[in-house]
Amino acid sequence: MTRLAADFPIAPSVSQASPSGRSSRRINPVELAAWLEERLPRITDRWLREVHHRFSPRPGGINGLLEEFLTLLPTFLPGMLGPNREQVEPLWIRASELFGAVAARRGLAAGEVIEEFQILRGSVIRARYQDPPLSGRARLSLREVLRLSRAIDAGVTHASVGHTDALFFALFQGSGIPDSPPTAELMGEIGDQLQALRDELKAVSGPSGRTARPGSEADARG
């Protein structure tokens, strides 16, 4: 007896889109890093606006470095997701600790520097939901979400470490609070450290200063 084609169940294709319009494949780490890199200006702008709105830092002096920090720090995050993360992570830790140390010089309490850093997390989350990777056509792996969250957690932790160390050294030197106006030498030293971090990040990321793109040899290695 001849059976009709309708009698044979048809397995769904792996590449077939789900009813929600999303592909069954998941976004890989390099794709997520590329998406994040492209949205850094928006994330940085929101971080700057919210920090200024909440804390109203005074212009000039040590507070004059705040915008430089808030512009630099997000640029490490794509590298924390990509194939060069082992080289980027020590730079991210150094930058976060320096941010915390400068926050102590700005007169912030430990909770305030943590709150400033958490605003960065909120800016990334908002971007992820307002403008999802690949326009939401592919699934975002929980592993990659957790990896990004852990990177920001490490930043929060080391910013707190930098803040505590700055207070400890101020106490050791006798003042207890690093409230003395920073010298031109100190400002220059902080500026030099920021520039060194930029240069090292650029060296790790390659001549273009951008993370590897999907389909590259680095991506194939995972």
N, C-alpha and C. Protein backbone atom coordinates (compact mmCIF):
# COMPACT_ATOMS: atom_id res chain seq x y z
N MET A 1 0.85 -1.19 0.00
CA MET A 1 0.00 0.00 0.00
C MET A 1 0.88 1.24 0.00
N THR A 2 0.60 2.14 -0.90
CA THR A 2 1.40 3.36 -1.01
C THR A 2 1.04 4.32 0.12
N ARG A 3 2.09 4.81 0.80
CA ARG A 3 1.84 5.77 1.88
C ARG A 3 2.03 7.19 1.36
N LEU A 4 1.20 8.07 1.83
CA LEU A 4 1.29 9.46 1.41
C LEU A 4 2.45 10.13 2.13
N ALA A 5 2.97 11.21 1.50
CA ALA A 5 4.06 11.95 2.13
C ALA A 5 3.64 12.51 3.48
N ALA A 6 2.36 12.80 3.62
CA ALA A 6 1.87 13.37 4.88
C ALA A 6 1.97 12.39 6.02
N ASP A 7 2.11 11.08 5.69
CA ASP A 7 2.22 10.08 6.74
C ASP A 7 3.58 10.08 7.41
N PHE A 8 4.58 10.72 6.79
CA PHE A 8 5.93 10.73 7.34
C PHE A 8 6.19 12.07 8.04
N PRO A 9 6.48 12.03 9.33
CA PRO A 9 6.75 13.28 10.04
C PRO A 9 8.03 13.93 9.52
N ILE A 10 8.01 15.22 9.40
CA ILE A 10 9.15 15.98 8.91
C ILE A 10 9.84 16.65 10.08
N ALA A 11 11.11 16.31 10.31
CA ALA A 11 11.86 16.92 11.40
C ALA A 11 12.19 18.36 11.06
N PRO A 12 12.08 19.27 12.00
CA PRO A 12 12.40 20.67 11.72
C PRO A 12 13.88 20.83 11.43
N SER A 13 14.19 21.72 10.51
CA SER A 13 15.59 22.00 10.17
C SER A 13 16.27 22.71 11.33
N VAL A 14 17.57 22.43 11.50
CA VAL A 14 18.33 23.07 12.58
C VAL A 14 18.39 24.56 12.38
N SER A 15 18.44 24.99 11.11
CA SER A 15 18.55 26.41 10.82
C SER A 15 17.20 27.10 10.74
N GLN A 16 16.11 26.34 10.91
CA GLN A 16 14.78 26.89 10.80
C GLN A 16 14.50 27.85 11.93
N ALA A 17 13.86 28.95 11.63
CA ALA A 17 13.56 29.94 12.66
C ALA A 17 12.45 29.45 13.55
N SER A 18 12.45 29.85 14.79
CA SER A 18 11.41 29.51 15.72
C SER A 18 10.20 30.38 15.46
N PRO A 19 9.04 30.04 16.06
CA PRO A 19 7.85 30.87 15.85
C PRO A 19 8.07 32.32 16.24
N SER A 20 8.98 32.59 17.13
CA SER A 20 9.23 33.96 17.56
C SER A 20 10.12 34.70 16.57
N GLY A 21 10.60 34.01 15.52
CA GLY A 21 11.45 34.64 14.53
C GLY A 21 12.92 34.51 14.81
N ARG A 22 13.29 33.83 15.90
CA ARG A 22 14.70 33.67 16.25
C ARG A 22 15.26 32.38 15.67
N SER A 23 16.50 32.43 15.24
CA SER A 23 17.18 31.23 14.78
C SER A 23 17.46 30.34 15.98
N SER A 24 17.61 29.04 15.71
CA SER A 24 17.89 28.12 16.80
C SER A 24 19.34 28.20 17.26
N ARG A 25 20.22 28.83 16.47
CA ARG A 25 21.62 28.93 16.88
C ARG A 25 21.79 30.01 17.93
N ARG A 26 22.90 29.92 18.63
CA ARG A 26 23.18 30.88 19.69
C ARG A 26 24.27 31.85 19.24
N ILE A 27 24.24 33.04 19.80
CA ILE A 27 25.26 34.05 19.51
C ILE A 27 26.57 33.61 20.15
N ASN A 28 27.65 33.67 19.38
CA ASN A 28 28.93 33.25 19.93
C ASN A 28 29.63 34.44 20.62
N PRO A 29 30.66 34.18 21.40
CA PRO A 29 31.31 35.25 22.18
C PRO A 29 31.82 36.41 21.34
N VAL A 30 32.40 36.12 20.18
CA VAL A 30 32.95 37.19 19.35
C VAL A 30 31.85 38.07 18.77
N GLU A 31 30.72 37.47 18.43
CA GLU A 31 29.57 38.26 17.95
C GLU A 31 29.06 39.17 19.06
N LEU A 32 28.99 38.66 20.28
CA LEU A 32 28.55 39.49 21.39
C LEU A 32 29.54 40.61 21.66
N ALA A 33 30.85 40.31 21.57
CA ALA A 33 31.87 41.33 21.77
C ALA A 33 31.77 42.42 20.70
N ALA A 34 31.52 42.01 19.44
CA ALA A 34 31.39 42.98 18.35
C ALA A 34 30.16 43.85 18.55
N TRP A 35 29.04 43.24 18.96
CA TRP A 35 27.82 44.01 19.25
C TRP A 35 28.09 45.03 20.35
N LEU A 36 28.77 44.62 21.42
CA LEU A 36 29.05 45.51 22.54
C LEU A 36 29.97 46.65 22.11
N GLU A 37 30.97 46.32 21.31
CA GLU A 37 31.92 47.34 20.86
C GLU A 37 31.22 48.42 20.05
N GLU A 38 30.30 48.03 19.21
CA GLU A 38 29.59 49.00 18.37
C GLU A 38 28.68 49.91 19.19
N ARG A 39 28.29 49.48 20.36
CA ARG A 39 27.38 50.27 21.19
C ARG A 39 28.08 50.99 22.35
N LEU A 40 29.40 50.95 22.35
CA LEU A 40 30.15 51.62 23.41
C LEU A 40 29.83 53.11 23.52
N PRO A 41 29.72 53.86 22.40
CA PRO A 41 29.40 55.29 22.56
C PRO A 41 28.09 55.53 23.31
N ARG A 42 27.06 54.71 23.01
CA ARG A 42 25.78 54.88 23.68
C ARG A 42 25.88 54.50 25.16
N ILE A 43 26.57 53.40 25.44
CA ILE A 43 26.72 52.94 26.82
C ILE A 43 27.53 53.95 27.63
N THR A 44 28.61 54.46 27.04
CA THR A 44 29.46 55.43 27.73
C THR A 44 28.70 56.72 28.00
N ASP A 45 27.94 57.18 27.01
CA ASP A 45 27.18 58.43 27.17
C ASP A 45 26.18 58.32 28.31
N ARG A 46 25.49 57.17 28.38
CA ARG A 46 24.52 56.98 29.47
C ARG A 46 25.22 56.94 30.83
N TRP A 47 26.36 56.27 30.90
CA TRP A 47 27.12 56.19 32.15
C TRP A 47 27.55 57.59 32.59
N LEU A 48 28.07 58.36 31.68
CA LEU A 48 28.49 59.72 32.00
C LEU A 48 27.33 60.56 32.53
N ARG A 49 26.20 60.50 31.81
CA ARG A 49 25.06 61.33 32.20
C ARG A 49 24.53 60.94 33.57
N GLU A 50 24.43 59.63 33.84
CA GLU A 50 23.86 59.20 35.12
C GLU A 50 24.80 59.48 36.28
N VAL A 51 26.11 59.30 36.08
CA VAL A 51 27.06 59.61 37.15
C VAL A 51 27.03 61.10 37.46
N HIS A 52 27.02 61.93 36.44
CA HIS A 52 26.98 63.38 36.67
C HIS A 52 25.67 63.78 37.34
N HIS A 53 24.58 63.11 36.95
CA HIS A 53 23.28 63.45 37.54
C HIS A 53 23.21 63.06 39.01
N ARG A 54 23.77 61.91 39.37
CA ARG A 54 23.68 61.40 40.74
C ARG A 54 24.68 62.04 41.68
N PHE A 55 25.89 62.31 41.16
CA PHE A 55 26.96 62.73 42.06
C PHE A 55 27.44 64.16 41.84
N SER A 56 27.03 64.80 40.74
CA SER A 56 27.39 66.18 40.45
C SER A 56 28.84 66.49 40.79
N PRO A 57 29.79 65.79 40.16
CA PRO A 57 31.19 66.03 40.47
C PRO A 57 31.62 67.45 40.11
N ARG A 58 32.46 68.04 40.94
CA ARG A 58 32.95 69.39 40.67
C ARG A 58 33.93 69.35 39.51
N PRO A 59 33.91 70.38 38.66
CA PRO A 59 34.84 70.40 37.53
C PRO A 59 36.26 70.69 37.99
N GLY A 60 37.21 70.26 37.17
CA GLY A 60 38.61 70.56 37.45
C GLY A 60 39.21 69.61 38.47
N GLY A 61 40.52 69.74 38.67
CA GLY A 61 41.22 68.94 39.65
C GLY A 61 41.07 67.46 39.39
N ILE A 62 41.01 66.68 40.47
CA ILE A 62 40.91 65.24 40.34
C ILE A 62 39.60 64.82 39.69
N ASN A 63 38.53 65.62 39.90
CA ASN A 63 37.25 65.30 39.27
C ASN A 63 37.30 65.49 37.76
N GLY A 64 38.27 66.28 37.30
CA GLY A 64 38.42 66.46 35.87
C GLY A 64 38.81 65.20 35.14
N LEU A 65 39.32 64.20 35.90
CA LEU A 65 39.70 62.92 35.31
C LEU A 65 38.52 61.95 35.19
N LEU A 66 37.40 62.29 35.81
CA LEU A 66 36.28 61.35 35.84
C LEU A 66 35.80 60.99 34.45
N GLU A 67 35.61 61.97 33.60
CA GLU A 67 35.12 61.69 32.25
C GLU A 67 36.11 60.82 31.49
N GLU A 68 37.39 61.04 31.72
CA GLU A 68 38.41 60.22 31.05
C GLU A 68 38.29 58.76 31.49
N PHE A 69 38.05 58.54 32.78
CA PHE A 69 37.86 57.18 33.28
C PHE A 69 36.60 56.54 32.69
N LEU A 70 35.50 57.27 32.73
CA LEU A 70 34.23 56.70 32.29
C LEU A 70 34.21 56.44 30.79
N THR A 71 35.06 57.12 30.06
CA THR A 71 35.19 56.86 28.63
C THR A 71 36.09 55.66 28.36
N LEU A 72 37.11 55.49 29.19
CA LEU A 72 38.08 54.41 28.97
C LEU A 72 37.55 53.05 29.43
N LEU A 73 36.96 52.97 30.60
CA LEU A 73 36.65 51.67 31.20
C LEU A 73 35.75 50.78 30.32
N PRO A 74 34.68 51.30 29.71
CA PRO A 74 33.85 50.40 28.90
C PRO A 74 34.58 49.78 27.72
N THR A 75 35.67 50.40 27.25
CA THR A 75 36.36 49.87 26.08
C THR A 75 37.05 48.54 26.38
N PHE A 76 37.19 48.17 27.65
CA PHE A 76 37.79 46.89 28.00
C PHE A 76 36.79 45.73 27.88
N LEU A 77 35.49 46.03 27.97
CA LEU A 77 34.50 44.96 28.06
C LEU A 77 34.43 44.05 26.84
N PRO A 78 34.47 44.58 25.59
CA PRO A 78 34.47 43.64 24.46
C PRO A 78 35.63 42.66 24.51
N GLY A 79 36.80 43.14 24.91
CA GLY A 79 37.95 42.24 25.01
C GLY A 79 37.80 41.20 26.10
N MET A 80 36.99 41.48 27.12
CA MET A 80 36.75 40.50 28.17
C MET A 80 35.86 39.36 27.70
N LEU A 81 35.24 39.53 26.52
CA LEU A 81 34.39 38.47 25.95
C LEU A 81 35.08 37.74 24.82
N GLY A 82 36.06 38.37 24.19
CA GLY A 82 36.67 37.82 23.00
C GLY A 82 37.82 36.88 23.28
N PRO A 83 38.52 36.48 22.21
CA PRO A 83 39.59 35.49 22.34
C PRO A 83 40.82 35.99 23.08
N ASN A 84 40.94 37.32 23.27
CA ASN A 84 42.09 37.88 23.95
C ASN A 84 41.81 38.21 25.42
N ARG A 85 40.79 37.59 25.97
CA ARG A 85 40.37 37.99 27.32
C ARG A 85 41.45 37.75 28.38
N GLU A 86 42.28 36.74 28.18
CA GLU A 86 43.33 36.48 29.17
C GLU A 86 44.36 37.61 29.21
N GLN A 87 44.55 38.29 28.07
CA GLN A 87 45.46 39.43 28.04
C GLN A 87 44.77 40.71 28.50
N VAL A 88 43.47 40.81 28.25
CA VAL A 88 42.73 42.03 28.59
C VAL A 88 42.40 42.09 30.09
N GLU A 89 42.16 40.93 30.70
CA GLU A 89 41.71 40.93 32.10
C GLU A 89 42.67 41.65 33.05
N PRO A 90 43.99 41.44 32.99
CA PRO A 90 44.87 42.18 33.90
C PRO A 90 44.79 43.69 33.70
N LEU A 91 44.57 44.13 32.46
CA LEU A 91 44.44 45.57 32.19
C LEU A 91 43.14 46.11 32.80
N TRP A 92 42.08 45.31 32.67
CA TRP A 92 40.78 45.68 33.24
C TRP A 92 40.87 45.81 34.76
N ILE A 93 41.58 44.90 35.39
CA ILE A 93 41.74 44.94 36.84
C ILE A 93 42.54 46.18 37.26
N ARG A 94 43.62 46.47 36.54
CA ARG A 94 44.43 47.65 36.85
C ARG A 94 43.61 48.93 36.69
N ALA A 95 42.85 49.02 35.61
CA ALA A 95 42.05 50.22 35.36
C ALA A 95 40.98 50.39 36.44
N SER A 96 40.35 49.28 36.85
CA SER A 96 39.31 49.35 37.88
C SER A 96 39.89 49.77 39.22
N GLU A 97 41.06 49.24 39.58
CA GLU A 97 41.68 49.63 40.84
C GLU A 97 42.09 51.10 40.83
N LEU A 98 42.58 51.56 39.70
CA LEU A 98 42.95 52.97 39.59
C LEU A 98 41.71 53.86 39.72
N PHE A 99 40.60 53.41 39.12
CA PHE A 99 39.34 54.15 39.24
C PHE A 99 38.93 54.27 40.70
N GLY A 100 39.05 53.16 41.46
CA GLY A 100 38.70 53.18 42.87
C GLY A 100 39.60 54.09 43.68
N ALA A 101 40.91 54.05 43.38
CA ALA A 101 41.85 54.90 44.10
C ALA A 101 41.55 56.37 43.85
N VAL A 102 41.23 56.71 42.62
CA VAL A 102 40.91 58.11 42.30
C VAL A 102 39.58 58.50 42.93
N ALA A 103 38.65 57.55 43.03
CA ALA A 103 37.37 57.85 43.69
C ALA A 103 37.59 58.24 45.15
N ALA A 104 38.54 57.59 45.82
CA ALA A 104 38.87 57.97 47.20
C ALA A 104 39.41 59.40 47.23
N ARG A 105 40.23 59.75 46.26
CA ARG A 105 40.74 61.12 46.15
C ARG A 105 39.63 62.12 45.88
N ARG A 106 38.58 61.65 45.20
CA ARG A 106 37.43 62.52 44.92
C ARG A 106 36.54 62.68 46.14
N GLY A 107 36.82 61.95 47.20
CA GLY A 107 36.03 62.05 48.41
C GLY A 107 34.82 61.15 48.46
N LEU A 108 34.77 60.14 47.59
CA LEU A 108 33.64 59.22 47.58
C LEU A 108 33.82 58.15 48.66
N ALA A 109 32.70 57.74 49.25
CA ALA A 109 32.69 56.61 50.17
C ALA A 109 32.75 55.32 49.35
N ALA A 110 33.06 54.21 50.03
CA ALA A 110 33.18 52.92 49.35
C ALA A 110 31.89 52.56 48.61
N GLY A 111 30.76 52.79 49.24
CA GLY A 111 29.49 52.46 48.60
C GLY A 111 29.22 53.31 47.37
N GLU A 112 29.71 54.54 47.36
CA GLU A 112 29.48 55.42 46.22
C GLU A 112 30.28 54.99 45.00
N VAL A 113 31.53 54.56 45.22
CA VAL A 113 32.31 54.12 44.06
C VAL A 113 31.72 52.84 43.48
N ILE A 114 31.18 51.97 44.35
CA ILE A 114 30.52 50.75 43.86
C ILE A 114 29.26 51.12 43.07
N GLU A 115 28.51 52.10 43.59
CA GLU A 115 27.29 52.52 42.90
C GLU A 115 27.62 53.12 41.53
N GLU A 116 28.70 53.91 41.45
CA GLU A 116 29.10 54.47 40.17
C GLU A 116 29.39 53.36 39.16
N PHE A 117 30.07 52.32 39.63
CA PHE A 117 30.44 51.23 38.73
C PHE A 117 29.20 50.42 38.33
N GLN A 118 28.26 50.28 39.25
CA GLN A 118 27.05 49.52 38.93
C GLN A 118 26.21 50.22 37.86
N ILE A 119 26.37 51.53 37.73
CA ILE A 119 25.65 52.24 36.68
C ILE A 119 26.09 51.73 35.31
N LEU A 120 27.37 51.36 35.20
CA LEU A 120 27.86 50.78 33.94
C LEU A 120 27.10 49.49 33.63
N ARG A 121 26.90 48.64 34.63
CA ARG A 121 26.15 47.40 34.42
C ARG A 121 24.74 47.72 33.91
N GLY A 122 24.09 48.68 34.53
CA GLY A 122 22.75 49.06 34.11
C GLY A 122 22.72 49.57 32.68
N SER A 123 23.75 50.30 32.28
CA SER A 123 23.81 50.83 30.92
C SER A 123 23.96 49.70 29.90
N VAL A 124 24.75 48.68 30.23
CA VAL A 124 24.94 47.54 29.34
C VAL A 124 23.64 46.74 29.23
N ILE A 125 22.99 46.51 30.37
CA ILE A 125 21.73 45.74 30.36
C ILE A 125 20.67 46.47 29.54
N ARG A 126 20.58 47.78 29.71
CA ARG A 126 19.58 48.55 28.97
C ARG A 126 19.83 48.44 27.46
N ALA A 127 21.10 48.54 27.06
CA ALA A 127 21.43 48.42 25.64
C ALA A 127 21.07 47.04 25.11
N ARG A 128 21.29 46.02 25.94
CA ARG A 128 21.03 44.64 25.51
C ARG A 128 19.55 44.41 25.25
N TYR A 129 18.69 45.05 26.00
CA TYR A 129 17.26 44.85 25.81
C TYR A 129 16.67 45.81 24.78
N GLN A 130 17.21 47.02 24.70
CA GLN A 130 16.68 47.98 23.73
C GLN A 130 17.15 47.68 22.31
N ASP A 131 18.36 47.15 22.18
CA ASP A 131 18.94 46.89 20.88
C ASP A 131 19.70 45.56 20.94
N PRO A 132 18.98 44.43 21.00
CA PRO A 132 19.64 43.14 21.24
C PRO A 132 20.56 42.72 20.11
N PRO A 133 21.57 41.90 20.42
CA PRO A 133 22.48 41.40 19.39
C PRO A 133 21.74 40.70 18.25
N LEU A 134 22.17 40.96 17.01
CA LEU A 134 21.56 40.38 15.80
C LEU A 134 20.06 40.64 15.77
N SER A 135 19.66 41.79 16.33
CA SER A 135 18.25 42.21 16.34
C SER A 135 17.34 41.17 16.97
N GLY A 136 17.88 40.36 17.88
CA GLY A 136 17.08 39.36 18.58
C GLY A 136 16.78 38.12 17.75
N ARG A 137 17.42 37.97 16.58
CA ARG A 137 17.13 36.82 15.72
C ARG A 137 17.84 35.55 16.18
N ALA A 138 18.80 35.68 17.08
CA ALA A 138 19.51 34.51 17.60
C ALA A 138 19.50 34.58 19.13
N ARG A 139 19.63 33.43 19.73
CA ARG A 139 19.56 33.36 21.19
C ARG A 139 20.87 33.81 21.82
N LEU A 140 20.73 34.53 22.90
CA LEU A 140 21.90 34.95 23.67
C LEU A 140 22.18 33.89 24.72
N SER A 141 23.35 33.28 24.64
CA SER A 141 23.71 32.20 25.55
C SER A 141 23.82 32.72 26.97
N LEU A 142 23.27 31.95 27.91
CA LEU A 142 23.38 32.32 29.32
C LEU A 142 24.84 32.38 29.74
N ARG A 143 25.67 31.52 29.17
CA ARG A 143 27.09 31.51 29.51
C ARG A 143 27.74 32.85 29.17
N GLU A 144 27.38 33.43 28.02
CA GLU A 144 27.98 34.70 27.62
C GLU A 144 27.44 35.85 28.47
N VAL A 145 26.16 35.77 28.83
CA VAL A 145 25.59 36.80 29.72
C VAL A 145 26.31 36.77 31.07
N LEU A 146 26.55 35.57 31.58
CA LEU A 146 27.24 35.44 32.87
C LEU A 146 28.68 35.89 32.76
N ARG A 147 29.32 35.62 31.63
CA ARG A 147 30.71 36.04 31.45
C ARG A 147 30.81 37.56 31.48
N LEU A 148 29.87 38.24 30.82
CA LEU A 148 29.87 39.70 30.83
C LEU A 148 29.58 40.22 32.23
N SER A 149 28.63 39.59 32.92
CA SER A 149 28.31 40.00 34.29
C SER A 149 29.49 39.80 35.22
N ARG A 150 30.22 38.68 35.06
CA ARG A 150 31.40 38.43 35.90
C ARG A 150 32.50 39.45 35.64
N ALA A 151 32.62 39.88 34.39
CA ALA A 151 33.63 40.90 34.07
C ALA A 151 33.32 42.20 34.82
N ILE A 152 32.04 42.60 34.82
CA ILE A 152 31.67 43.81 35.54
C ILE A 152 31.80 43.61 37.04
N ASP A 153 31.46 42.41 37.53
CA ASP A 153 31.66 42.10 38.95
C ASP A 153 33.12 42.28 39.36
N ALA A 154 34.03 41.80 38.49
CA ALA A 154 35.47 41.95 38.78
C ALA A 154 35.85 43.41 38.83
N GLY A 155 35.26 44.22 37.94
CA GLY A 155 35.52 45.66 37.97
C GLY A 155 35.06 46.29 39.26
N VAL A 156 33.86 45.93 39.71
CA VAL A 156 33.33 46.44 40.97
C VAL A 156 34.24 46.06 42.13
N THR A 157 34.64 44.79 42.17
CA THR A 157 35.49 44.30 43.26
C THR A 157 36.82 45.04 43.31
N HIS A 158 37.45 45.20 42.17
CA HIS A 158 38.78 45.82 42.16
C HIS A 158 38.71 47.34 42.30
N ALA A 159 37.61 47.95 41.92
CA ALA A 159 37.43 49.37 42.22
C ALA A 159 37.35 49.56 43.73
N SER A 160 36.65 48.64 44.41
CA SER A 160 36.57 48.69 45.87
C SER A 160 37.94 48.48 46.50
N VAL A 161 38.73 47.55 45.94
CA VAL A 161 40.08 47.30 46.43
C VAL A 161 40.94 48.55 46.29
N GLY A 162 40.86 49.21 45.12
CA GLY A 162 41.63 50.42 44.90
C GLY A 162 41.25 51.53 45.86
N HIS A 163 39.96 51.64 46.13
CA HIS A 163 39.46 52.65 47.07
C HIS A 163 39.99 52.38 48.47
N THR A 164 39.92 51.11 48.90
CA THR A 164 40.39 50.74 50.24
C THR A 164 41.89 50.97 50.37
N ASP A 165 42.64 50.59 49.35
CA ASP A 165 44.10 50.79 49.40
C ASP A 165 44.45 52.26 49.51
N ALA A 166 43.74 53.12 48.77
CA ALA A 166 44.02 54.55 48.82
C ALA A 166 43.77 55.10 50.22
N LEU A 167 42.69 54.65 50.87
CA LEU A 167 42.41 55.10 52.24
C LEU A 167 43.45 54.57 53.21
N PHE A 168 43.89 53.33 52.99
CA PHE A 168 44.89 52.74 53.88
C PHE A 168 46.19 53.54 53.82
N PHE A 169 46.64 53.85 52.61
CA PHE A 169 47.89 54.60 52.49
C PHE A 169 47.76 56.01 53.04
N ALA A 170 46.57 56.60 52.90
CA ALA A 170 46.35 57.92 53.48
C ALA A 170 46.43 57.84 55.01
N LEU A 171 45.86 56.77 55.58
CA LEU A 171 45.92 56.57 57.03
C LEU A 171 47.35 56.32 57.47
N PHE A 172 48.06 55.53 56.69
CA PHE A 172 49.45 55.21 57.01
C PHE A 172 50.31 56.47 57.00
N GLN A 173 49.97 57.39 56.10
CA GLN A 173 50.72 58.64 56.01
C GLN A 173 50.28 59.67 57.03
N GLY A 174 49.19 59.37 57.74
CA GLY A 174 48.81 60.22 58.86
C GLY A 174 47.56 61.04 58.70
N SER A 175 47.04 61.21 57.46
CA SER A 175 45.88 62.07 57.30
C SER A 175 44.57 61.33 57.55
N GLY A 176 44.54 60.03 57.21
CA GLY A 176 43.31 59.26 57.38
C GLY A 176 42.37 59.36 56.22
N ILE A 177 42.34 60.49 55.54
CA ILE A 177 41.48 60.70 54.37
C ILE A 177 42.32 61.38 53.30
N PRO A 178 42.30 60.88 52.09
CA PRO A 178 43.09 61.51 51.03
C PRO A 178 42.41 62.77 50.52
N ASP A 179 42.28 63.78 51.43
CA ASP A 179 41.51 64.97 51.06
C ASP A 179 42.39 66.15 50.65
N SER A 180 43.68 65.97 50.66
CA SER A 180 44.54 67.07 50.27
C SER A 180 44.48 67.25 48.76
N PRO A 181 44.56 68.50 48.28
CA PRO A 181 44.50 68.72 46.82
C PRO A 181 45.61 67.95 46.11
N PRO A 182 45.27 67.24 45.05
CA PRO A 182 46.29 66.47 44.34
C PRO A 182 47.31 67.40 43.70
N THR A 183 48.55 67.02 43.74
CA THR A 183 49.60 67.81 43.14
C THR A 183 49.60 67.63 41.63
N ALA A 184 50.27 68.54 40.94
CA ALA A 184 50.39 68.41 39.49
C ALA A 184 51.12 67.12 39.14
N GLU A 185 52.04 66.73 40.01
CA GLU A 185 52.79 65.49 39.77
C GLU A 185 51.86 64.28 39.83
N LEU A 186 50.96 64.26 40.84
CA LEU A 186 50.02 63.16 40.97
C LEU A 186 49.07 63.12 39.77
N MET A 187 48.55 64.28 39.37
CA MET A 187 47.65 64.33 38.21
C MET A 187 48.34 63.82 36.96
N GLY A 188 49.61 64.21 36.80
CA GLY A 188 50.36 63.75 35.65
C GLY A 188 50.58 62.25 35.68
N GLU A 189 50.83 61.72 36.90
CA GLU A 189 51.06 60.28 37.04
C GLU A 189 49.80 59.49 36.69
N ILE A 190 48.63 59.97 37.14
CA ILE A 190 47.38 59.29 36.82
C ILE A 190 47.12 59.33 35.32
N GLY A 191 47.36 60.50 34.72
CA GLY A 191 47.19 60.63 33.27
C GLY A 191 48.09 59.68 32.51
N ASP A 192 49.33 59.53 32.99
CA ASP A 192 50.27 58.61 32.34
C ASP A 192 49.78 57.17 32.45
N GLN A 193 49.22 56.81 33.61
CA GLN A 193 48.73 55.44 33.78
C GLN A 193 47.54 55.17 32.87
N LEU A 194 46.67 56.15 32.73
CA LEU A 194 45.52 55.98 31.83
C LEU A 194 45.99 55.80 30.38
N GLN A 195 46.96 56.60 29.97
CA GLN A 195 47.46 56.48 28.61
C GLN A 195 48.15 55.13 28.39
N ALA A 196 48.89 54.66 29.40
CA ALA A 196 49.55 53.36 29.29
C ALA A 196 48.51 52.25 29.13
N LEU A 197 47.40 52.34 29.87
CA LEU A 197 46.35 51.34 29.75
C LEU A 197 45.73 51.36 28.35
N ARG A 198 45.50 52.56 27.82
CA ARG A 198 44.97 52.66 26.46
C ARG A 198 45.91 51.99 25.45
N ASP A 199 47.18 52.31 25.58
CA ASP A 199 48.17 51.77 24.64
C ASP A 199 48.26 50.25 24.73
N GLU A 200 48.21 49.72 25.95
CA GLU A 200 48.31 48.27 26.12
C GLU A 200 47.07 47.57 25.59
N LEU A 201 45.91 48.18 25.80
CA LEU A 201 44.67 47.59 25.26
C LEU A 201 44.71 47.59 23.74
N LYS A 202 45.19 48.66 23.15
CA LYS A 202 45.28 48.74 21.70
C LYS A 202 46.25 47.67 21.17
N ALA A 203 47.34 47.46 21.87
CA ALA A 203 48.32 46.46 21.45
C ALA A 203 47.72 45.06 21.50
N VAL A 204 46.93 44.78 22.52
CA VAL A 204 46.29 43.46 22.66
C VAL A 204 45.22 43.26 21.59
N SER A 205 44.45 44.33 21.29
CA SER A 205 43.33 44.23 20.37
C SER A 205 43.77 44.18 18.92
N GLY A 206 45.02 44.53 18.62
CA GLY A 206 45.51 44.51 17.25
C GLY A 206 45.63 45.90 16.68
N PRO A 207 46.18 46.02 15.47
CA PRO A 207 46.43 47.32 14.86
C PRO A 207 45.19 48.19 14.72
N SER A 208 44.02 47.55 14.49
CA SER A 208 42.79 48.33 14.31
C SER A 208 42.20 48.77 15.63
N GLY A 209 42.66 48.16 16.74
CA GLY A 209 42.10 48.50 18.04
C GLY A 209 40.74 47.90 18.28
N ARG A 210 40.32 46.93 17.42
CA ARG A 210 39.00 46.33 17.53
C ARG A 210 39.14 44.84 17.79
N THR A 211 38.11 44.25 18.36
CA THR A 211 38.13 42.83 18.65
C THR A 211 38.00 42.03 17.36
N ALA A 212 38.36 40.75 17.44
CA ALA A 212 38.24 39.88 16.27
C ALA A 212 36.79 39.77 15.85
N ARG A 213 36.55 39.65 14.56
CA ARG A 213 35.20 39.57 14.02
C ARG A 213 34.78 38.11 13.79
N PRO A 214 33.47 37.84 13.78
CA PRO A 214 33.00 36.49 13.51
C PRO A 214 33.57 35.95 12.21
N GLY A 215 33.98 34.68 12.23
CA GLY A 215 34.54 34.06 11.05
C GLY A 215 36.05 34.13 10.99
N SER A 216 36.65 34.87 11.93
CA SER A 216 38.10 34.97 11.92
C SER A 216 38.72 33.72 12.50
N GLU A 217 40.04 33.62 12.35
CA GLU A 217 40.76 32.48 12.90
C GLU A 217 40.61 32.43 14.41
N ALA A 218 40.64 33.64 15.04
CA ALA A 218 40.49 33.67 16.50
C ALA A 218 39.13 33.16 16.91
N ASP A 219 38.10 33.49 16.11
CA ASP A 219 36.75 33.03 16.43
C ASP A 219 36.66 31.52 16.32
N ALA A 220 37.34 30.98 15.34
CA ALA A 220 37.28 29.53 15.13
C ALA A 220 37.88 28.78 16.32
N ARG A 221 38.86 29.42 16.96
CA ARG A 221 39.44 28.78 18.13
C ARG A 221 38.53 28.89 19.33
N GLY A 222 37.54 29.81 19.29
CA GLY A 222 36.57 29.92 20.38
C GLY A 222 37.07 30.71 21.51
